[in-house]
Amino acid sequence: MNKITIAIDGFSSTGKSTLAKQLAKKLEYIYVDTGAMYRAVTLYAMNNGFVVDGEIDTAGLIEDLDSIELKFVFNQDLGFAEMYLNGENVERQIRTLEVSNYVSQIAEIKEVRTRLVALQQDMGKNKGVVMDGRDIGTVVFPDAELKIFMTASPEKRAVRRYKELLDRGEDVKYEDILENVQKRDYIDSHRENSPLTKAEGAIEFDNSDMGLVQQFERIYEHALRVIEKNK
């Protein structure tokens, strides 16, 4: 079967990663969670003194970027790759609310984005990839054959994130999650470098009131049509 590039962008907690994993598994494509890469850099910044009292030492982090090694390692039991930071599996640590509170600010840094975009483009240079993030269809792969822009109401997304964190055993409040979602929406949409916008030619997909099965079936069938068209 002919392979294409699938770019999935959208706001936080819209289920981009879930959909991307499903598509990649069904199509036997490579899955790349670019959000995990920015989260890993954020975790590194937090653990190495570049985030102090809510302030980010941007210059210090930029100078230390060469010390950051990011790698996806496939987990056979889970069926998808996990994020490794400097040789350590940090998949669980990068999903916390603490990291969420700073990831959009770290992702604003031009030098961070430049480095990670280059890594992402290299990962998908042979097509057959499903990649999700904020600027995949606009910056990383503007020529992707299939672009999807996912959205949902902030309240619905906050509920999803709240339940997810509770299931992981974290002590969180819904109000804090909603505030984080709204704050990230603003930062992601208004940053100077690669702001979150709907890519030209992207399909806008609002899943506020849609289940995971219905969502996947609709997007998968559309992906098959695009693949057939690009033979």
C-alpha atoms as a PDB file:
ATOM      1  CA  MET A   1       0.000   0.000   0.000  1.00  0.00           C
ATOM      2  CA  ASN A   2       1.234   3.478  -0.859  1.00  0.00           C
ATOM      3  CA  LYS A   3       2.256   5.450   2.238  1.00  0.00           C
ATOM      4  CA  ILE A   4       1.470   9.056   3.061  1.00  0.00           C
ATOM      5  CA  THR A   5       2.225  11.560   5.827  1.00  0.00           C
ATOM      6  CA  ILE A   6      -0.584  12.250   8.286  1.00  0.00           C
ATOM      7  CA  ALA A   7      -0.335  15.479  10.300  1.00  0.00           C
ATOM      8  CA  ILE A   8      -2.643  15.936  13.285  1.00  0.00           C
ATOM      9  CA  ASP A   9      -2.719  19.345  14.975  1.00  0.00           C
ATOM     10  CA  GLY A  10      -5.022  20.832  17.556  1.00  0.00           C
ATOM     11  CA  PHE A  11      -5.561  22.148  21.036  1.00  0.00           C
ATOM     12  CA  SER A  12      -4.445  20.334  24.174  1.00  0.00           C
ATOM     13  CA  SER A  13      -6.501  17.363  25.377  1.00  0.00           C
ATOM     14  CA  THR A  14      -8.447  16.937  22.145  1.00  0.00           C
ATOM     15  CA  GLY A  15      -7.338  13.323  21.858  1.00  0.00           C
ATOM     16  CA  LYS A  16      -4.713  13.912  19.164  1.00  0.00           C
ATOM     17  CA  SER A  17      -2.334  11.310  20.548  1.00  0.00           C
ATOM     18  CA  THR A  18      -5.050   8.696  21.019  1.00  0.00           C
ATOM     19  CA  LEU A  19      -6.247   9.089  17.443  1.00  0.00           C
ATOM     20  CA  ALA A  20      -2.697   9.188  16.070  1.00  0.00           C
ATOM     21  CA  LYS A  21      -1.758   5.966  17.889  1.00  0.00           C
ATOM     22  CA  GLN A  22      -4.873   4.225  16.574  1.00  0.00           C
ATOM     23  CA  LEU A  23      -4.228   5.319  12.991  1.00  0.00           C
ATOM     24  CA  ALA A  24      -0.559   4.388  13.127  1.00  0.00           C
ATOM     25  CA  LYS A  25      -1.330   0.925  14.501  1.00  0.00           C
ATOM     26  CA  LYS A  26      -4.083   0.242  11.966  1.00  0.00           C
ATOM     27  CA  LEU A  27      -2.060   1.510   8.997  1.00  0.00           C
ATOM     28  CA  GLU A  28       1.219   0.049  10.315  1.00  0.00           C
ATOM     29  CA  TYR A  29       2.775   3.508  10.244  1.00  0.00           C
ATOM     30  CA  ILE A  30       5.316   5.118  12.576  1.00  0.00           C
ATOM     31  CA  TYR A  31       3.735   7.215  15.320  1.00  0.00           C
ATOM     32  CA  VAL A  32       5.489  10.334  16.633  1.00  0.00           C
ATOM     33  CA  ASP A  33       4.110  12.250  19.629  1.00  0.00           C
ATOM     34  CA  THR A  34       5.792  15.638  19.244  1.00  0.00           C
ATOM     35  CA  GLY A  35       4.103  16.904  22.385  1.00  0.00           C
ATOM     36  CA  ALA A  36       6.088  14.321  24.347  1.00  0.00           C
ATOM     37  CA  MET A  37       9.278  15.836  22.957  1.00  0.00           C
ATOM     38  CA  TYR A  38       8.397  19.331  24.187  1.00  0.00           C
ATOM     39  CA  ARG A  39       7.286  17.876  27.515  1.00  0.00           C
ATOM     40  CA  ALA A  40      10.623  16.080  27.870  1.00  0.00           C
ATOM     41  CA  VAL A  41      12.532  19.328  27.272  1.00  0.00           C
ATOM     42  CA  THR A  42      10.271  20.978  29.857  1.00  0.00           C
ATOM     43  CA  LEU A  43      10.989  18.224  32.372  1.00  0.00           C
ATOM     44  CA  TYR A  44      14.711  18.660  31.719  1.00  0.00           C
ATOM     45  CA  ALA A  45      14.402  22.408  32.327  1.00  0.00           C
ATOM     46  CA  MET A  46      12.528  21.827  35.588  1.00  0.00           C
ATOM     47  CA  ASN A  47      14.994  19.217  36.844  1.00  0.00           C
ATOM     48  CA  ASN A  48      18.091  21.222  35.980  1.00  0.00           C
ATOM     49  CA  GLY A  49      17.332  24.602  37.493  1.00  0.00           C
ATOM     50  CA  PHE A  50      16.047  26.406  34.413  1.00  0.00           C
ATOM     51  CA  VAL A  51      12.585  26.864  35.948  1.00  0.00           C
ATOM     52  CA  VAL A  52      12.683  28.717  39.266  1.00  0.00           C
ATOM     53  CA  ASP A  53       9.698  30.250  41.054  1.00  0.00           C
ATOM     54  CA  GLY A  54       7.661  30.148  37.871  1.00  0.00           C
ATOM     55  CA  GLU A  55      10.322  31.917  35.806  1.00  0.00           C
ATOM     56  CA  ILE A  56      12.165  30.246  32.931  1.00  0.00           C
ATOM     57  CA  ASP A  57      15.870  30.823  32.378  1.00  0.00           C
ATOM     58  CA  THR A  58      15.538  30.864  28.610  1.00  0.00           C
ATOM     59  CA  ALA A  59      19.152  31.787  27.876  1.00  0.00           C
ATOM     60  CA  GLY A  60      20.472  29.072  30.162  1.00  0.00           C
ATOM     61  CA  LEU A  61      18.227  26.417  28.646  1.00  0.00           C
ATOM     62  CA  ILE A  62      19.195  27.406  25.094  1.00  0.00           C
ATOM     63  CA  GLU A  63      22.871  27.134  26.006  1.00  0.00           C
ATOM     64  CA  ASP A  64      22.265  23.665  27.460  1.00  0.00           C
ATOM     65  CA  LEU A  65      20.178  22.228  24.588  1.00  0.00           C
ATOM     66  CA  ASP A  66      23.062  20.083  23.357  1.00  0.00           C
ATOM     67  CA  SER A  67      22.865  18.169  26.648  1.00  0.00           C
ATOM     68  CA  ILE A  68      19.351  16.965  25.842  1.00  0.00           C
ATOM     69  CA  GLU A  69      18.962  13.648  24.026  1.00  0.00           C
ATOM     70  CA  LEU A  70      15.436  12.624  23.042  1.00  0.00           C
ATOM     71  CA  LYS A  71      14.529   9.183  21.809  1.00  0.00           C
ATOM     72  CA  PHE A  72      11.360   7.168  21.259  1.00  0.00           C
ATOM     73  CA  VAL A  73      11.646   3.521  22.311  1.00  0.00           C
ATOM     74  CA  PHE A  74       8.918   1.102  21.247  1.00  0.00           C
ATOM     75  CA  ASN A  75       7.171  -0.703  24.125  1.00  0.00           C
ATOM     76  CA  GLN A  76       5.938  -4.062  22.847  1.00  0.00           C
ATOM     77  CA  ASP A  77       3.482  -4.502  25.736  1.00  0.00           C
ATOM     78  CA  LEU A  78       1.875  -1.090  25.236  1.00  0.00           C
ATOM     79  CA  GLY A  79       2.009  -1.160  21.449  1.00  0.00           C
ATOM     80  CA  PHE A  80       3.552   2.297  21.065  1.00  0.00           C
ATOM     81  CA  ALA A  81       6.833   4.121  21.658  1.00  0.00           C
ATOM     82  CA  GLU A  82       7.641   5.850  24.926  1.00  0.00           C
ATOM     83  CA  MET A  83       9.681   9.002  25.472  1.00  0.00           C
ATOM     84  CA  TYR A  84      13.241   8.645  26.747  1.00  0.00           C
ATOM     85  CA  LEU A  85      15.196  11.655  28.003  1.00  0.00           C
ATOM     86  CA  ASN A  86      18.948  11.130  28.190  1.00  0.00           C
ATOM     87  CA  GLY A  87      18.452   7.366  28.360  1.00  0.00           C
ATOM     88  CA  GLU A  88      15.698   7.417  30.993  1.00  0.00           C
ATOM     89  CA  ASN A  89      12.034   6.505  30.397  1.00  0.00           C
ATOM     90  CA  VAL A  90      10.164   9.684  31.391  1.00  0.00           C
ATOM     91  CA  GLU A  91       6.769   8.825  29.899  1.00  0.00           C
ATOM     92  CA  ARG A  92       4.985   9.096  33.243  1.00  0.00           C
ATOM     93  CA  GLN A  93       6.847  12.158  34.540  1.00  0.00           C
ATOM     94  CA  ILE A  94       6.135  14.259  31.444  1.00  0.00           C
ATOM     95  CA  ARG A  95       2.358  13.792  31.738  1.00  0.00           C
ATOM     96  CA  THR A  96       1.979  15.576  35.084  1.00  0.00           C
ATOM     97  CA  LEU A  97       0.143  18.865  35.613  1.00  0.00           C
ATOM     98  CA  GLU A  98       3.422  20.446  36.754  1.00  0.00           C
ATOM     99  CA  VAL A  99       4.964  19.828  33.339  1.00  0.00           C
ATOM    100  CA  SER A 100       1.741  20.936  31.628  1.00  0.00           C
ATOM    101  CA  ASN A 101       1.983  24.269  33.432  1.00  0.00           C
ATOM    102  CA  TYR A 102       5.265  25.120  31.673  1.00  0.00           C
ATOM    103  CA  VAL A 103       5.316  23.180  28.405  1.00  0.00           C
ATOM    104  CA  SER A 104       3.641  25.872  26.295  1.00  0.00           C
ATOM    105  CA  GLN A 105       6.146  28.455  27.523  1.00  0.00           C
ATOM    106  CA  ILE A 106       9.080  26.166  26.754  1.00  0.00           C
ATOM    107  CA  ALA A 107       7.571  25.455  23.324  1.00  0.00           C
ATOM    108  CA  GLU A 108       7.549  29.206  22.615  1.00  0.00           C
ATOM    109  CA  ILE A 109      11.353  29.316  22.612  1.00  0.00           C
ATOM    110  CA  LYS A 110      12.535  29.611  19.018  1.00  0.00           C
ATOM    111  CA  GLU A 111      15.732  27.600  19.496  1.00  0.00           C
ATOM    112  CA  VAL A 112      13.832  24.732  21.129  1.00  0.00           C
ATOM    113  CA  ARG A 113      11.329  24.606  18.279  1.00  0.00           C
ATOM    114  CA  THR A 114      14.032  24.788  15.610  1.00  0.00           C
ATOM    115  CA  ARG A 115      15.874  21.820  17.079  1.00  0.00           C
ATOM    116  CA  LEU A 116      12.786  19.667  17.627  1.00  0.00           C
ATOM    117  CA  VAL A 117      11.271  20.439  14.227  1.00  0.00           C
ATOM    118  CA  ALA A 118      14.497  19.247  12.561  1.00  0.00           C
ATOM    119  CA  LEU A 119      14.305  16.000  14.559  1.00  0.00           C
ATOM    120  CA  GLN A 120      10.649  15.527  13.627  1.00  0.00           C
ATOM    121  CA  GLN A 121      11.252  16.122   9.927  1.00  0.00           C
ATOM    122  CA  ASP A 122      14.023  13.544   9.977  1.00  0.00           C
ATOM    123  CA  MET A 123      11.721  11.010  11.659  1.00  0.00           C
ATOM    124  CA  GLY A 124       9.115  11.393   8.929  1.00  0.00           C
ATOM    125  CA  LYS A 125      11.316  11.821   5.866  1.00  0.00           C
ATOM    126  CA  ASN A 126      10.294   8.435   4.410  1.00  0.00           C
ATOM    127  CA  LYS A 127       6.526   8.975   4.882  1.00  0.00           C
ATOM    128  CA  GLY A 128       4.409   6.273   6.478  1.00  0.00           C
ATOM    129  CA  VAL A 129       4.181   8.414   9.613  1.00  0.00           C
ATOM    130  CA  VAL A 130       1.399   9.775  11.817  1.00  0.00           C
ATOM    131  CA  MET A 131       2.587  12.805  13.759  1.00  0.00           C
ATOM    132  CA  ASP A 132       0.592  14.933  16.167  1.00  0.00           C
ATOM    133  CA  GLY A 133       1.343  18.297  17.736  1.00  0.00           C
ATOM    134  CA  ARG A 134       0.696  22.012  17.239  1.00  0.00           C
ATOM    135  CA  ASP A 135       2.551  22.863  14.020  1.00  0.00           C
ATOM    136  CA  ILE A 136       2.811  19.593  12.108  1.00  0.00           C
ATOM    137  CA  GLY A 137       0.649  20.619   9.157  1.00  0.00           C
ATOM    138  CA  THR A 138       1.870  24.225   9.123  1.00  0.00           C
ATOM    139  CA  VAL A 139       5.623  23.904   9.762  1.00  0.00           C
ATOM    140  CA  VAL A 140       6.917  20.345  10.122  1.00  0.00           C
ATOM    141  CA  PHE A 141       5.094  18.785   7.159  1.00  0.00           C
ATOM    142  CA  PRO A 142       3.222  21.518   5.242  1.00  0.00           C
ATOM    143  CA  ASP A 143       2.997  19.132   2.255  1.00  0.00           C
ATOM    144  CA  ALA A 144       1.422  16.272   4.238  1.00  0.00           C
ATOM    145  CA  GLU A 145      -1.191  14.452   2.176  1.00  0.00           C
ATOM    146  CA  LEU A 146      -3.632  14.362   5.099  1.00  0.00           C
ATOM    147  CA  LYS A 147      -3.925  17.183   7.626  1.00  0.00           C
ATOM    148  CA  ILE A 148      -6.351  17.110  10.547  1.00  0.00           C
ATOM    149  CA  PHE A 149      -7.091  19.959  12.955  1.00  0.00           C
ATOM    150  CA  MET A 150      -8.748  18.740  16.157  1.00  0.00           C
ATOM    151  CA  THR A 151     -10.749  20.865  18.539  1.00  0.00           C
ATOM    152  CA  ALA A 152     -13.285  20.617  21.366  1.00  0.00           C
ATOM    153  CA  SER A 153     -14.661  22.970  24.003  1.00  0.00           C
ATOM    154  CA  PRO A 154     -12.237  23.883  26.827  1.00  0.00           C
ATOM    155  CA  GLU A 155     -14.665  22.431  29.375  1.00  0.00           C
ATOM    156  CA  LYS A 156     -14.881  19.050  27.643  1.00  0.00           C
ATOM    157  CA  ARG A 157     -11.117  18.910  27.270  1.00  0.00           C
ATOM    158  CA  ALA A 158     -10.585  19.818  30.922  1.00  0.00           C
ATOM    159  CA  VAL A 159     -12.914  16.998  32.011  1.00  0.00           C
ATOM    160  CA  ARG A 160     -10.973  14.495  29.886  1.00  0.00           C
ATOM    161  CA  ARG A 161      -7.645  15.651  31.290  1.00  0.00           C
ATOM    162  CA  TYR A 162      -9.006  15.673  34.845  1.00  0.00           C
ATOM    163  CA  LYS A 163     -10.190  12.069  34.582  1.00  0.00           C
ATOM    164  CA  GLU A 164      -6.920  10.996  32.999  1.00  0.00           C
ATOM    165  CA  LEU A 165      -4.846  12.470  35.827  1.00  0.00           C
ATOM    166  CA  LEU A 166      -7.142  11.039  38.495  1.00  0.00           C
ATOM    167  CA  ASP A 167      -6.766   7.597  36.917  1.00  0.00           C
ATOM    168  CA  ARG A 168      -3.013   7.986  37.296  1.00  0.00           C
ATOM    169  CA  GLY A 169      -3.416   8.667  40.983  1.00  0.00           C
ATOM    170  CA  GLU A 170      -2.651  12.393  40.897  1.00  0.00           C
ATOM    171  CA  ASP A 171      -4.256  14.812  43.361  1.00  0.00           C
ATOM    172  CA  VAL A 172      -5.726  17.479  41.077  1.00  0.00           C
ATOM    173  CA  LYS A 173      -8.691  19.838  40.930  1.00  0.00           C
ATOM    174  CA  TYR A 174     -10.912  20.309  37.890  1.00  0.00           C
ATOM    175  CA  GLU A 175     -10.689  24.104  38.212  1.00  0.00           C
ATOM    176  CA  ASP A 176      -6.883  23.964  37.995  1.00  0.00           C
ATOM    177  CA  ILE A 177      -7.078  21.746  34.913  1.00  0.00           C
ATOM    178  CA  LEU A 178      -9.516  24.086  33.177  1.00  0.00           C
ATOM    179  CA  GLU A 179      -7.307  27.074  33.946  1.00  0.00           C
ATOM    180  CA  ASN A 180      -4.293  25.217  32.543  1.00  0.00           C
ATOM    181  CA  VAL A 181      -6.172  24.280  29.355  1.00  0.00           C
ATOM    182  CA  GLN A 182      -7.292  27.861  28.756  1.00  0.00           C
ATOM    183  CA  LYS A 183      -3.832  29.262  29.503  1.00  0.00           C
ATOM    184  CA  ARG A 184      -2.169  26.822  27.116  1.00  0.00           C
ATOM    185  CA  ASP A 185      -4.737  27.595  24.408  1.00  0.00           C
ATOM    186  CA  TYR A 186      -3.851  31.283  24.602  1.00  0.00           C
ATOM    187  CA  ILE A 187      -0.073  30.765  24.642  1.00  0.00           C
ATOM    188  CA  ASP A 188      -0.147  28.179  21.839  1.00  0.00           C
ATOM    189  CA  SER A 189      -2.318  30.387  19.626  1.00  0.00           C
ATOM    190  CA  HIS A 190      -0.486  33.670  20.244  1.00  0.00           C
ATOM    191  CA  ARG A 191       3.189  32.707  20.361  1.00  0.00           C
ATOM    192  CA  GLU A 192       5.512  34.369  17.864  1.00  0.00           C
ATOM    193  CA  ASN A 193       7.114  31.155  16.628  1.00  0.00           C
ATOM    194  CA  SER A 194       4.867  28.581  14.927  1.00  0.00           C
ATOM    195  CA  PRO A 195       1.547  29.542  16.559  1.00  0.00           C
ATOM    196  CA  LEU A 196      -1.227  26.972  16.638  1.00  0.00           C
ATOM    197  CA  THR A 197      -3.387  27.545  13.572  1.00  0.00           C
ATOM    198  CA  LYS A 198      -5.379  25.391  11.220  1.00  0.00           C
ATOM    199  CA  ALA A 199      -3.134  24.408   8.321  1.00  0.00           C
ATOM    200  CA  GLU A 200      -4.180  25.133   4.763  1.00  0.00           C
ATOM    201  CA  GLY A 201      -6.155  22.179   3.484  1.00  0.00           C
ATOM    202  CA  ALA A 202      -6.664  20.664   6.943  1.00  0.00           C
ATOM    203  CA  ILE A 203      -9.915  18.988   7.952  1.00  0.00           C
ATOM    204  CA  GLU A 204     -11.340  20.577  11.106  1.00  0.00           C
ATOM    205  CA  PHE A 205     -12.630  17.907  13.462  1.00  0.00           C
ATOM    206  CA  ASP A 206     -14.647  18.870  16.570  1.00  0.00           C
ATOM    207  CA  ASN A 207     -14.979  15.847  18.835  1.00  0.00           C
ATOM    208  CA  SER A 208     -16.676  17.573  21.785  1.00  0.00           C
ATOM    209  CA  ASP A 209     -19.588  15.139  21.617  1.00  0.00           C
ATOM    210  CA  MET A 210     -18.022  12.171  19.864  1.00  0.00           C
ATOM    211  CA  GLY A 211     -16.834   8.835  21.221  1.00  0.00           C
ATOM    212  CA  LEU A 212     -13.412   7.382  20.499  1.00  0.00           C
ATOM    213  CA  VAL A 213     -14.733   4.583  18.284  1.00  0.00           C
ATOM    214  CA  GLN A 214     -16.856   6.860  16.104  1.00  0.00           C
ATOM    215  CA  GLN A 215     -14.013   9.375  15.848  1.00  0.00           C
ATOM    216  CA  PHE A 216     -11.491   6.758  14.767  1.00  0.00           C
ATOM    217  CA  GLU A 217     -13.782   5.133  12.209  1.00  0.00           C
ATOM    218  CA  ARG A 218     -14.529   8.444  10.493  1.00  0.00           C
ATOM    219  CA  ILE A 219     -10.894   9.529  10.299  1.00  0.00           C
ATOM    220  CA  TYR A 220      -9.615   6.077   9.318  1.00  0.00           C
ATOM    221  CA  GLU A 221     -12.034   5.810   6.397  1.00  0.00           C
ATOM    222  CA  HIS A 222     -11.028   9.263   5.231  1.00  0.00           C
ATOM    223  CA  ALA A 223      -7.331   8.311   5.521  1.00  0.00           C
ATOM    224  CA  LEU A 224      -7.925   5.274   3.294  1.00  0.00           C
ATOM    225  CA  ARG A 225      -9.519   7.500   0.654  1.00  0.00           C
ATOM    226  CA  VAL A 226      -6.530   9.862   0.740  1.00  0.00           C
ATOM    227  CA  ILE A 227      -4.097   6.945   0.473  1.00  0.00           C
ATOM    228  CA  GLU A 228      -6.022   5.570  -2.511  1.00  0.00           C
ATOM    229  CA  LYS A 229      -6.058   8.992  -4.150  1.00  0.00           C
ATOM    230  CA  ASN A 230      -2.276   9.339  -3.766  1.00  0.00           C
ATOM    231  CA  LYS A 231      -1.325   6.009  -5.349  1.00  0.00           C
END
